[in-house]
Amino acid sequence: MPPTDYLDWLRREGRIVVVGASLAGLRAAETLRAEGFAGELTMIGDEPYEPYDRPPLSKAVLLGRAAPHHTGLPHRREIDAKWRLGVAATGLDMEARRVRLADGDEVEYDRLLIATGVRARPWPKEEEARLDGVFTLRTRDDGAALLRRLKAGPRRVFVIGAGFTGSEIASACREQGIAVTVAERAGAPLVGALGGVIGAVAAEMHRENGVDLRTGVMVTALEGDPAGRVRAVHLSDESVVEADVVVVGLGATRNTEWLTGSGLGAGPRGIACDAGCRAFDFRGIVTDDIFVAGDVARSPHALFGYQFLSLEHWGNAVAQAEIAAHNMISPSAERKPHLWVPAFWSSQFGVNIKSVGVPPMGEQIMITQGSLAERRFVGVYGYKGRTIAAVSFDNTRWLEFYQREIEKGAPFPVEFPTVDRRPEGRSPVDADFPDPALPTHGPMVTLSGYSPTDQQLVFHPARH
């Protein structure tokens, strides 16, 4: 069948399966219908819920401003799909074009979109992880369970890991007057994502808001009482902190294990795909019937040396899903590349933090607007003479400008009349990112090499 005839048939009566009832999965399904796909659409999800919004779980939900069951994502249009919820995908037969499910069923496809995202990395000692009072925060059920425990008035919450989620949880606790201790192996919060210069500001924010912040330490054990409830946390400096709630914030694991043995180019860093969201197989050959979108994807980006990037961000999931859906049902000449500039935001301790670009790629940083001391500033990152990223604390109006600078490969150091000439902004300084070989919660953007089949990638599981 000629390619154009096949695409016409696919659009009319083909079978498209979306694995991952997620933000990316839903937006892809809506785009497929909006662009004329009239065939059979199946949505597969391991949770029993239709797609919901995750960012509020560590913000509004923990503060009691939103109920966990009211975080469902609005549908932009009717998608007329078969929903297979509460059943996980367990395998993929690329030759037969079938997805195997945990209940023993198999679902056939003509085009497949994988949007399985990530899950919270659990505490590595299983017996300790099962103690009553030990939580992770990724799913709606996680948010509901942790909210119930916070409402019960714990004596102290202990957060393992000072990444964005850990810091937001600590902020929510302090806003409610709950005592909280945060342990971070690195020298400050957020250093994996933003570097030590910004991490020092984040550390001050924690401490000024009453957080007992412990840096440069690892958690060695969680201690339970005879009833199986957590009661204390042991640290590598031999200190012991009593706590009746422990939240494990050790970053995320990409949901790719179900693809083991499938022949797809999937691993701990995600599923490799090209700029058009088509997945690679393990030989580095691009497929034409399997596409990837969202947190689970790793794809090359022209703005960042064509390195493969893995992004954990709401906006990226939407943008990549829309591109993937368009390309799934379009001829090659009409396909589009996914070149979205990475971005993220966080709200903690009353401060709005936003970033564009890839800060962990930065070698140096300049404070170009505002002041670190005032917690209202913009920091710009440079890499090999190029502007590569920018971060703002309560000063978002400059980010659109710096995004354009990143997109055109503007020079670094930054020299504009608008640059604040206070002493701290006059010249670049080392951005002070930790050694990537050290285990940490990790950045929101991960650069993972140049080859979709590179088996030499170093994977550093988080251990505190």
Protein backbone atom coordinates (compact mmCIF):
# COMPACT_ATOMS: atom_id res chain seq x y z
CA MET A 1 0.00 0.00 0.00
CA PRO A 2 1.52 3.42 -0.94
CA PRO A 3 2.34 5.63 2.07
CA THR A 4 -0.41 8.13 1.29
CA ASP A 5 -3.01 5.37 0.97
CA TYR A 6 -1.85 3.85 4.25
CA LEU A 7 -2.14 7.17 6.07
CA ASP A 8 -5.61 7.74 4.65
CA TRP A 9 -6.63 4.29 5.88
CA LEU A 10 -4.96 4.91 9.27
CA ARG A 11 -6.84 8.14 9.74
CA ARG A 12 -10.19 6.53 8.83
CA GLU A 13 -10.06 3.16 10.57
CA GLY A 14 -6.63 2.51 12.05
CA ARG A 15 -5.94 1.56 15.68
CA ILE A 16 -3.91 3.92 17.84
CA VAL A 17 -2.96 2.88 21.37
CA VAL A 18 -1.70 5.34 23.99
CA VAL A 19 0.15 3.74 26.91
CA GLY A 20 0.08 6.22 29.76
CA ALA A 21 -3.18 7.85 30.87
CA SER A 22 -1.17 10.96 31.66
CA LEU A 23 -1.12 14.64 30.78
CA ALA A 24 0.91 13.81 27.65
CA GLY A 25 -1.36 10.89 26.80
CA LEU A 26 -4.54 12.95 27.09
CA ARG A 27 -3.25 15.92 25.10
CA ALA A 28 -1.98 13.58 22.38
CA ALA A 29 -5.38 11.89 22.15
CA GLU A 30 -7.14 15.25 21.88
CA THR A 31 -4.74 16.35 19.13
CA LEU A 32 -5.32 13.13 17.19
CA ARG A 33 -9.06 13.73 17.18
CA ALA A 34 -8.65 17.43 16.40
CA GLU A 35 -6.51 16.60 13.36
CA GLY A 36 -8.99 14.15 11.92
CA PHE A 37 -8.15 10.71 13.32
CA ALA A 38 -11.44 8.78 13.20
CA GLY A 39 -10.19 5.29 14.00
CA GLU A 40 -10.08 3.28 17.22
CA LEU A 41 -8.31 4.99 20.12
CA THR A 42 -7.34 3.07 23.28
CA MET A 43 -5.96 4.69 26.46
CA ILE A 44 -4.07 2.42 28.87
CA GLY A 45 -3.17 3.53 32.41
CA ASP A 46 -1.89 1.72 35.49
CA GLU A 47 -3.84 4.00 37.87
CA PRO A 48 -7.63 3.69 38.18
CA TYR A 49 -8.11 7.39 37.39
CA GLU A 50 -8.40 9.38 34.21
CA PRO A 51 -5.49 11.81 33.69
CA TYR A 52 -5.00 14.33 36.49
CA ASP A 53 -2.68 17.23 37.26
CA ARG A 54 0.39 16.35 39.33
CA PRO A 55 2.02 19.72 40.20
CA PRO A 56 -0.70 20.67 42.73
CA LEU A 57 0.02 17.52 44.76
CA SER A 58 3.12 19.06 46.38
CA LYS A 59 1.64 22.56 46.53
CA ALA A 60 -2.08 23.30 46.81
CA VAL A 61 -3.12 19.79 47.89
CA LEU A 62 -0.74 19.64 50.86
CA LEU A 63 -1.90 23.11 51.91
CA GLY A 64 -5.54 21.98 51.85
CA ARG A 65 -6.39 24.41 49.04
CA ALA A 66 -7.30 21.65 46.58
CA ALA A 67 -8.67 18.16 47.15
CA PRO A 68 -6.63 15.31 45.61
CA HIS A 69 -9.72 13.99 43.80
CA HIS A 70 -10.35 17.43 42.27
CA THR A 71 -7.09 17.49 40.29
CA GLY A 72 -8.48 15.86 37.15
CA LEU A 73 -7.34 17.45 33.91
CA PRO A 74 -10.02 19.22 31.87
CA HIS A 75 -10.74 17.65 28.49
CA ARG A 76 -10.27 20.12 25.66
CA ARG A 77 -12.49 17.98 23.41
CA GLU A 78 -14.25 14.61 23.40
CA ILE A 79 -11.77 11.88 22.46
CA ASP A 80 -14.14 8.90 22.11
CA ALA A 81 -11.59 6.44 23.50
CA LYS A 82 -11.63 3.00 25.05
CA TRP A 83 -10.23 3.44 28.55
CA ARG A 84 -8.23 0.58 30.08
CA LEU A 85 -7.55 2.03 33.52
CA GLY A 86 -6.07 0.33 36.57
CA VAL A 87 -4.14 -2.16 34.45
CA ALA A 88 -0.46 -1.69 33.65
CA ALA A 89 1.29 -2.45 30.38
CA THR A 90 3.76 -5.29 30.99
CA GLY A 91 5.30 -5.91 27.58
CA LEU A 92 5.56 -4.90 23.95
CA ASP A 93 5.74 -7.15 20.86
CA MET A 94 7.03 -4.81 18.16
CA GLU A 95 6.77 -7.41 15.39
CA ALA A 96 3.17 -8.35 16.14
CA ARG A 97 2.29 -4.76 17.14
CA ARG A 98 0.78 -5.75 20.45
CA VAL A 99 0.89 -4.31 23.95
CA ARG A 100 0.65 -6.90 26.74
CA LEU A 101 -1.30 -5.98 29.87
CA ALA A 102 -1.01 -7.10 33.48
CA ASP A 103 -4.40 -8.81 33.32
CA GLY A 104 -3.18 -11.09 30.52
CA ASP A 105 -4.94 -9.25 27.74
CA GLU A 106 -3.20 -7.94 24.60
CA VAL A 107 -4.07 -4.80 22.64
CA GLU A 108 -3.16 -4.53 18.97
CA TYR A 109 -2.09 -1.25 17.38
CA ASP A 110 -1.18 0.32 14.06
CA ARG A 111 0.44 3.30 15.77
CA LEU A 112 1.60 3.37 19.39
CA LEU A 113 2.32 6.35 21.63
CA ILE A 114 4.26 5.71 24.84
CA ALA A 115 3.67 8.35 27.53
CA THR A 116 4.33 6.33 30.68
CA GLY A 117 6.16 9.13 32.49
CA VAL A 118 8.04 8.58 35.73
CA ARG A 119 7.37 7.29 39.22
CA ALA A 120 8.80 8.33 42.57
CA ARG A 121 12.00 6.58 43.55
CA PRO A 122 11.23 4.64 46.75
CA TRP A 123 13.38 4.33 49.85
CA PRO A 124 15.82 1.54 48.88
CA LYS A 125 15.49 -0.54 52.06
CA GLU A 126 12.17 -2.29 51.52
CA GLU A 127 11.48 -3.19 55.14
CA GLU A 128 12.03 0.42 56.21
CA ALA A 129 10.01 1.74 53.26
CA ARG A 130 7.01 -0.27 54.50
CA LEU A 131 6.96 1.45 57.91
CA ASP A 132 3.75 3.32 58.66
CA GLY A 133 4.45 7.01 58.14
CA VAL A 134 6.93 6.66 55.24
CA PHE A 135 5.66 8.29 52.04
CA THR A 136 6.63 9.20 48.50
CA LEU A 137 4.72 11.84 46.54
CA ARG A 138 3.91 11.27 42.89
CA THR A 139 0.37 9.94 42.51
CA ARG A 140 -3.05 11.19 43.55
CA ASP A 141 -3.23 8.44 46.17
CA ASP A 142 0.18 9.51 47.50
CA GLY A 143 -1.08 13.09 47.88
CA ALA A 144 -4.27 12.01 49.64
CA ALA A 145 -2.39 9.76 52.08
CA LEU A 146 0.22 12.39 52.96
CA LEU A 147 -2.46 15.08 53.35
CA ARG A 148 -4.34 12.92 55.86
CA ARG A 149 -1.18 12.45 57.90
CA LEU A 150 -0.32 16.15 57.89
CA LYS A 151 -3.85 17.00 59.01
CA ALA A 152 -3.40 14.62 61.94
CA GLY A 153 -0.74 16.95 63.35
CA PRO A 154 2.59 15.09 63.22
CA ARG A 155 5.26 16.08 65.75
CA ARG A 156 7.90 16.34 63.01
CA VAL A 157 8.09 15.63 59.29
CA PHE A 158 11.44 14.47 57.91
CA VAL A 159 12.06 15.06 54.18
CA ILE A 160 14.81 13.07 52.47
CA GLY A 161 16.14 15.10 49.55
CA ALA A 162 16.04 18.85 48.92
CA GLY A 163 15.09 18.86 45.26
CA PHE A 164 12.03 20.73 44.06
CA THR A 165 9.48 18.27 45.43
CA GLY A 166 11.26 17.96 48.77
CA SER A 167 11.57 21.73 49.09
CA GLU A 168 7.91 22.27 48.21
CA ILE A 169 6.84 19.70 50.81
CA ALA A 170 9.00 21.42 53.44
CA SER A 171 7.48 24.76 52.49
CA ALA A 172 3.93 23.38 52.80
CA CYS A 173 4.75 21.96 56.24
CA ARG A 174 6.16 25.23 57.55
CA GLU A 175 3.20 27.20 56.20
CA GLN A 176 1.01 24.99 58.38
CA GLY A 177 3.27 25.32 61.41
CA ILE A 178 4.55 21.74 61.23
CA ALA A 179 8.13 21.12 62.37
CA VAL A 180 10.22 19.78 59.48
CA THR A 181 13.76 18.54 58.97
CA VAL A 182 15.26 18.25 55.47
CA ALA A 183 18.36 16.15 54.73
CA GLU A 184 20.34 16.66 51.52
CA ARG A 185 23.53 14.89 50.52
CA ALA A 186 24.73 17.90 48.50
CA GLY A 187 25.81 21.20 50.00
CA ALA A 188 22.46 22.97 49.56
CA PRO A 189 18.92 22.51 48.21
CA LEU A 190 18.35 22.56 44.43
CA VAL A 191 22.06 22.27 43.55
CA GLY A 192 21.50 19.46 41.05
CA ALA A 193 19.05 21.64 39.13
CA LEU A 194 20.40 25.17 39.64
CA GLY A 195 23.94 24.92 41.02
CA GLY A 196 25.57 26.02 44.25
CA VAL A 197 25.24 29.79 43.78
CA ILE A 198 21.46 29.53 43.65
CA GLY A 199 21.48 26.64 46.12
CA ALA A 200 22.97 28.93 48.77
CA VAL A 201 19.98 31.26 48.36
CA ALA A 202 17.60 28.31 48.64
CA ALA A 203 19.35 27.17 51.84
CA GLU A 204 18.84 30.60 53.40
CA MET A 205 15.16 30.45 52.48
CA HIS A 206 14.77 27.08 54.20
CA ARG A 207 16.47 28.17 57.40
CA GLU A 208 14.79 31.58 57.61
CA ASN A 209 11.43 29.82 57.39
CA GLY A 210 12.24 27.52 60.29
CA VAL A 211 13.34 24.39 58.42
CA ASP A 212 15.94 22.27 60.18
CA LEU A 213 18.13 21.87 57.07
CA ARG A 214 20.89 19.25 57.22
CA THR A 215 23.27 19.33 54.24
CA GLY A 216 26.24 17.16 53.37
CA VAL A 217 24.65 14.16 55.09
CA MET A 218 22.95 10.93 54.06
CA VAL A 219 20.14 9.08 55.73
CA THR A 220 21.48 5.70 56.80
CA ALA A 221 18.37 4.14 58.34
CA LEU A 222 14.70 4.66 59.20
CA GLU A 223 13.83 3.33 62.65
CA GLY A 224 10.43 1.93 63.48
CA ASP A 225 8.69 1.22 66.77
CA PRO A 226 7.31 -2.20 67.79
CA ALA A 227 3.98 -1.36 66.11
CA GLY A 228 5.68 -0.78 62.75
CA ARG A 229 5.45 3.02 62.76
CA VAL A 230 8.41 5.17 61.83
CA ARG A 231 9.80 7.02 64.82
CA ALA A 232 13.33 8.20 64.00
CA VAL A 233 15.78 8.87 61.18
CA HIS A 234 19.49 8.03 61.46
CA LEU A 235 22.02 10.17 59.59
CA SER A 236 25.57 9.59 58.37
CA ASP A 237 26.93 12.13 60.90
CA GLU A 238 25.61 9.77 63.61
CA SER A 239 22.81 12.14 64.60
CA VAL A 240 19.28 10.83 65.13
CA VAL A 241 16.13 12.86 64.44
CA GLU A 242 12.80 11.78 65.89
CA ALA A 243 10.00 12.00 63.30
CA ASP A 244 6.62 10.37 62.84
CA VAL A 245 6.31 11.22 59.12
CA VAL A 246 9.09 10.68 56.57
CA VAL A 247 8.75 11.80 52.95
CA VAL A 248 11.21 10.27 50.49
CA GLY A 249 12.11 12.82 47.83
CA LEU A 250 14.88 11.02 45.96
CA GLY A 251 13.81 11.95 42.47
CA ALA A 252 12.11 9.88 39.81
CA THR A 253 12.50 6.63 37.89
CA ARG A 254 11.35 6.53 34.29
CA ASN A 255 8.74 3.88 33.57
CA THR A 256 10.56 1.79 30.97
CA GLU A 257 11.00 -1.60 32.65
CA TRP A 258 7.93 -2.99 30.90
CA LEU A 259 9.83 -2.57 27.61
CA THR A 260 12.72 -4.85 28.60
CA GLY A 261 13.35 -7.35 25.82
CA SER A 262 11.03 -5.53 23.39
CA GLY A 263 13.85 -4.32 21.16
CA LEU A 264 13.02 -0.67 21.79
CA GLY A 265 15.82 1.76 22.74
CA ALA A 266 14.62 2.14 26.33
CA GLY A 267 16.56 2.30 29.58
CA PRO A 268 16.93 4.16 32.89
CA ARG A 269 17.29 7.53 31.14
CA GLY A 270 14.10 7.04 29.14
CA ILE A 271 13.07 6.02 25.63
CA ALA A 272 15.25 7.47 22.87
CA CYS A 273 13.36 9.21 20.07
CA ASP A 274 14.17 11.56 17.23
CA ALA A 275 13.11 15.22 17.06
CA GLY A 276 9.84 14.06 15.50
CA CYS A 277 9.11 11.85 18.56
CA ARG A 278 9.65 8.54 16.71
CA ALA A 279 11.21 5.91 18.97
CA PHE A 280 14.55 4.28 18.20
CA ASP A 281 15.06 0.54 18.48
CA PHE A 282 18.06 -0.89 20.33
CA ARG A 283 20.13 -0.82 17.11
CA GLY A 284 19.65 2.92 16.64
CA ILE A 285 17.12 2.49 13.81
CA VAL A 286 14.15 4.81 14.04
CA THR A 287 10.71 3.21 14.05
CA ASP A 288 7.77 4.66 12.16
CA ASP A 289 4.90 3.22 14.17
CA ILE A 290 6.03 3.91 17.77
CA PHE A 291 6.18 7.43 19.17
CA VAL A 292 7.16 8.81 22.58
CA ALA A 293 6.14 11.91 24.57
CA GLY A 294 6.49 13.42 28.03
CA ASP A 295 8.81 12.68 30.95
CA VAL A 296 9.74 9.22 29.64
CA ALA A 297 11.16 10.56 26.36
CA ARG A 298 14.78 11.50 25.63
CA SER A 299 15.35 13.33 22.37
CA PRO A 300 18.09 15.38 20.68
CA HIS A 301 17.84 19.15 20.81
CA ALA A 302 19.48 21.46 18.28
CA LEU A 303 19.91 24.29 20.79
CA PHE A 304 21.95 22.13 23.14
CA GLY A 305 24.49 20.50 20.87
CA TYR A 306 22.08 17.78 19.72
CA GLN A 307 22.52 16.02 23.01
CA PHE A 308 19.62 13.85 24.13
CA LEU A 309 17.54 15.63 26.76
CA SER A 310 15.12 14.11 29.25
CA LEU A 311 12.72 16.70 30.62
CA GLU A 312 10.38 16.50 33.61
CA HIS A 313 8.05 19.38 32.97
CA TRP A 314 4.34 20.00 32.48
CA GLY A 315 4.68 22.30 29.48
CA ASN A 316 7.10 19.99 27.69
CA ALA A 317 4.72 17.06 28.11
CA VAL A 318 1.95 19.03 26.40
CA ALA A 319 4.10 20.38 23.58
CA GLN A 320 5.76 17.05 22.82
CA ALA A 321 2.46 15.17 22.94
CA GLU A 322 0.92 17.52 20.39
CA ILE A 323 3.90 17.13 18.04
CA ALA A 324 3.92 13.34 18.44
CA ALA A 325 0.18 13.09 17.72
CA HIS A 326 0.45 15.28 14.63
CA ASN A 327 3.39 13.27 13.27
CA MET A 328 1.69 9.92 13.92
CA ILE A 329 -0.94 10.61 11.28
CA SER A 330 0.94 12.92 8.90
CA PRO A 331 3.13 12.25 5.84
CA SER A 332 6.86 12.83 6.32
CA ALA A 333 6.84 16.16 4.49
CA GLU A 334 4.28 17.55 6.95
CA ARG A 335 5.90 16.33 10.17
CA LYS A 336 7.21 18.82 12.71
CA PRO A 337 10.19 18.76 15.09
CA HIS A 338 9.84 19.08 18.84
CA LEU A 339 12.21 21.92 19.76
CA TRP A 340 10.53 23.27 22.89
CA VAL A 341 12.89 25.20 25.16
CA PRO A 342 13.00 23.48 28.57
CA ALA A 343 11.30 25.39 31.36
CA PHE A 344 10.04 24.75 34.87
CA TRP A 345 8.53 26.56 37.82
CA SER A 346 8.28 26.05 41.55
CA SER A 347 6.67 27.88 44.43
CA GLN A 348 8.24 27.57 47.86
CA PHE A 349 8.49 29.71 50.98
CA GLY A 350 6.49 32.45 49.26
CA VAL A 351 8.95 32.73 46.35
CA ASN A 352 8.13 31.99 42.72
CA ILE A 353 11.07 30.25 40.98
CA LYS A 354 11.09 29.87 37.19
CA SER A 355 13.72 28.78 34.70
CA VAL A 356 14.26 28.43 30.95
CA GLY A 357 16.97 26.50 29.14
CA VAL A 358 19.26 23.87 30.64
CA PRO A 359 20.91 25.25 33.80
CA PRO A 360 22.91 22.05 34.56
CA MET A 361 24.74 22.57 31.28
CA GLY A 362 25.98 25.95 32.54
CA GLU A 363 29.60 26.47 33.53
CA GLN A 364 29.15 30.02 34.86
CA ILE A 365 26.37 32.26 36.11
CA MET A 366 25.78 36.02 36.13
CA ILE A 367 23.22 37.81 38.26
CA THR A 368 21.93 40.19 35.60
CA GLN A 369 18.91 41.71 37.32
CA GLY A 370 18.14 42.26 40.97
CA SER A 371 20.00 40.92 43.95
CA LEU A 372 20.60 37.53 45.56
CA ALA A 373 20.31 39.12 49.00
CA GLU A 374 16.84 40.46 48.20
CA ARG A 375 15.67 37.10 46.74
CA ARG A 376 14.46 38.95 43.66
CA PHE A 377 16.80 38.42 40.76
CA VAL A 378 17.59 36.81 37.41
CA GLY A 379 20.63 34.59 36.97
CA VAL A 380 21.91 33.76 33.48
CA TYR A 381 24.00 30.65 32.77
CA GLY A 382 26.72 30.39 30.16
CA TYR A 383 28.34 27.45 28.39
CA LYS A 384 31.34 27.83 26.08
CA GLY A 385 30.58 31.46 25.36
CA ARG A 386 26.82 30.96 24.82
CA THR A 387 23.81 31.89 26.90
CA ILE A 388 22.32 28.50 27.80
CA ALA A 389 19.75 29.12 30.57
CA ALA A 390 18.24 31.63 32.97
CA VAL A 391 16.55 31.36 36.37
CA SER A 392 14.40 33.93 38.16
CA PHE A 393 13.34 34.35 41.77
CA ASP A 394 10.23 36.56 41.92
CA ASN A 395 11.34 38.29 38.72
CA THR A 396 9.74 36.45 35.78
CA ARG A 397 9.36 39.44 33.44
CA TRP A 398 12.86 38.94 32.04
CA LEU A 399 12.56 35.23 31.22
CA GLU A 400 10.88 35.66 27.85
CA PHE A 401 13.75 37.93 26.80
CA TYR A 402 16.37 35.41 27.90
CA GLN A 403 14.50 32.58 26.21
CA ARG A 404 14.90 34.43 22.93
CA GLU A 405 18.60 34.90 23.70
CA ILE A 406 18.96 31.15 24.29
CA GLU A 407 17.13 30.36 21.06
CA LYS A 408 19.47 32.50 18.98
CA GLY A 409 22.66 31.35 20.73
CA ALA A 410 23.46 34.77 22.17
CA PRO A 411 26.95 35.30 23.58
CA PHE A 412 27.90 34.93 27.23
CA PRO A 413 28.87 36.87 29.36
CA VAL A 414 25.75 38.98 28.93
CA GLU A 415 26.38 42.61 28.04
CA PHE A 416 23.28 44.77 27.82
CA PRO A 417 22.46 48.20 29.24
CA THR A 418 19.76 46.46 31.27
CA VAL A 419 22.26 44.35 33.20
CA ASP A 420 22.27 45.29 36.87
CA ARG A 421 25.75 46.56 37.72
CA ARG A 422 25.71 45.73 41.39
CA PRO A 423 28.95 44.00 42.46
CA GLU A 424 27.48 40.51 42.38
CA GLY A 425 26.36 40.92 38.76
CA ARG A 426 29.43 42.47 37.21
CA SER A 427 31.19 39.32 36.15
CA PRO A 428 30.42 35.63 35.76
CA VAL A 429 31.24 33.18 38.53
CA ASP A 430 31.37 29.40 38.64
CA ALA A 431 27.79 28.09 38.69
CA ASP A 432 29.01 25.46 41.17
CA PHE A 433 27.15 22.37 40.04
CA PRO A 434 28.04 19.19 41.96
CA ASP A 435 30.06 16.39 40.43
CA PRO A 436 27.50 14.48 38.30
CA ALA A 437 29.01 11.24 39.59
CA LEU A 438 27.66 11.99 43.06
CA PRO A 439 24.22 10.54 43.81
CA THR A 440 21.63 13.23 44.28
CA HIS A 441 17.98 13.88 43.49
CA GLY A 442 19.15 15.24 40.13
CA PRO A 443 18.08 18.05 37.85
CA MET A 444 14.75 18.54 36.11
CA VAL A 445 16.62 18.41 32.80
CA THR A 446 19.05 15.57 32.16
CA LEU A 447 21.57 15.56 29.32
CA SER A 448 22.24 11.96 28.36
CA GLY A 449 24.75 11.79 25.53
CA TYR A 450 24.61 11.75 21.75
CA SER A 451 23.64 8.20 20.81
CA PRO A 452 20.19 6.64 21.22
CA THR A 453 21.83 3.26 21.81
CA ASP A 454 24.74 4.30 24.02
CA GLN A 455 25.04 1.60 26.67
CA GLN A 456 27.83 3.45 28.46
CA LEU A 457 25.53 6.03 30.01
CA VAL A 458 26.18 6.34 33.72
CA PHE A 459 23.01 6.00 35.77
CA HIS A 460 23.25 7.29 39.32
CA PRO A 461 20.36 6.14 41.50
CA ALA A 462 19.62 8.57 44.28
CA ARG A 463 20.87 7.48 47.68
CA HIS A 464 20.83 9.68 50.75
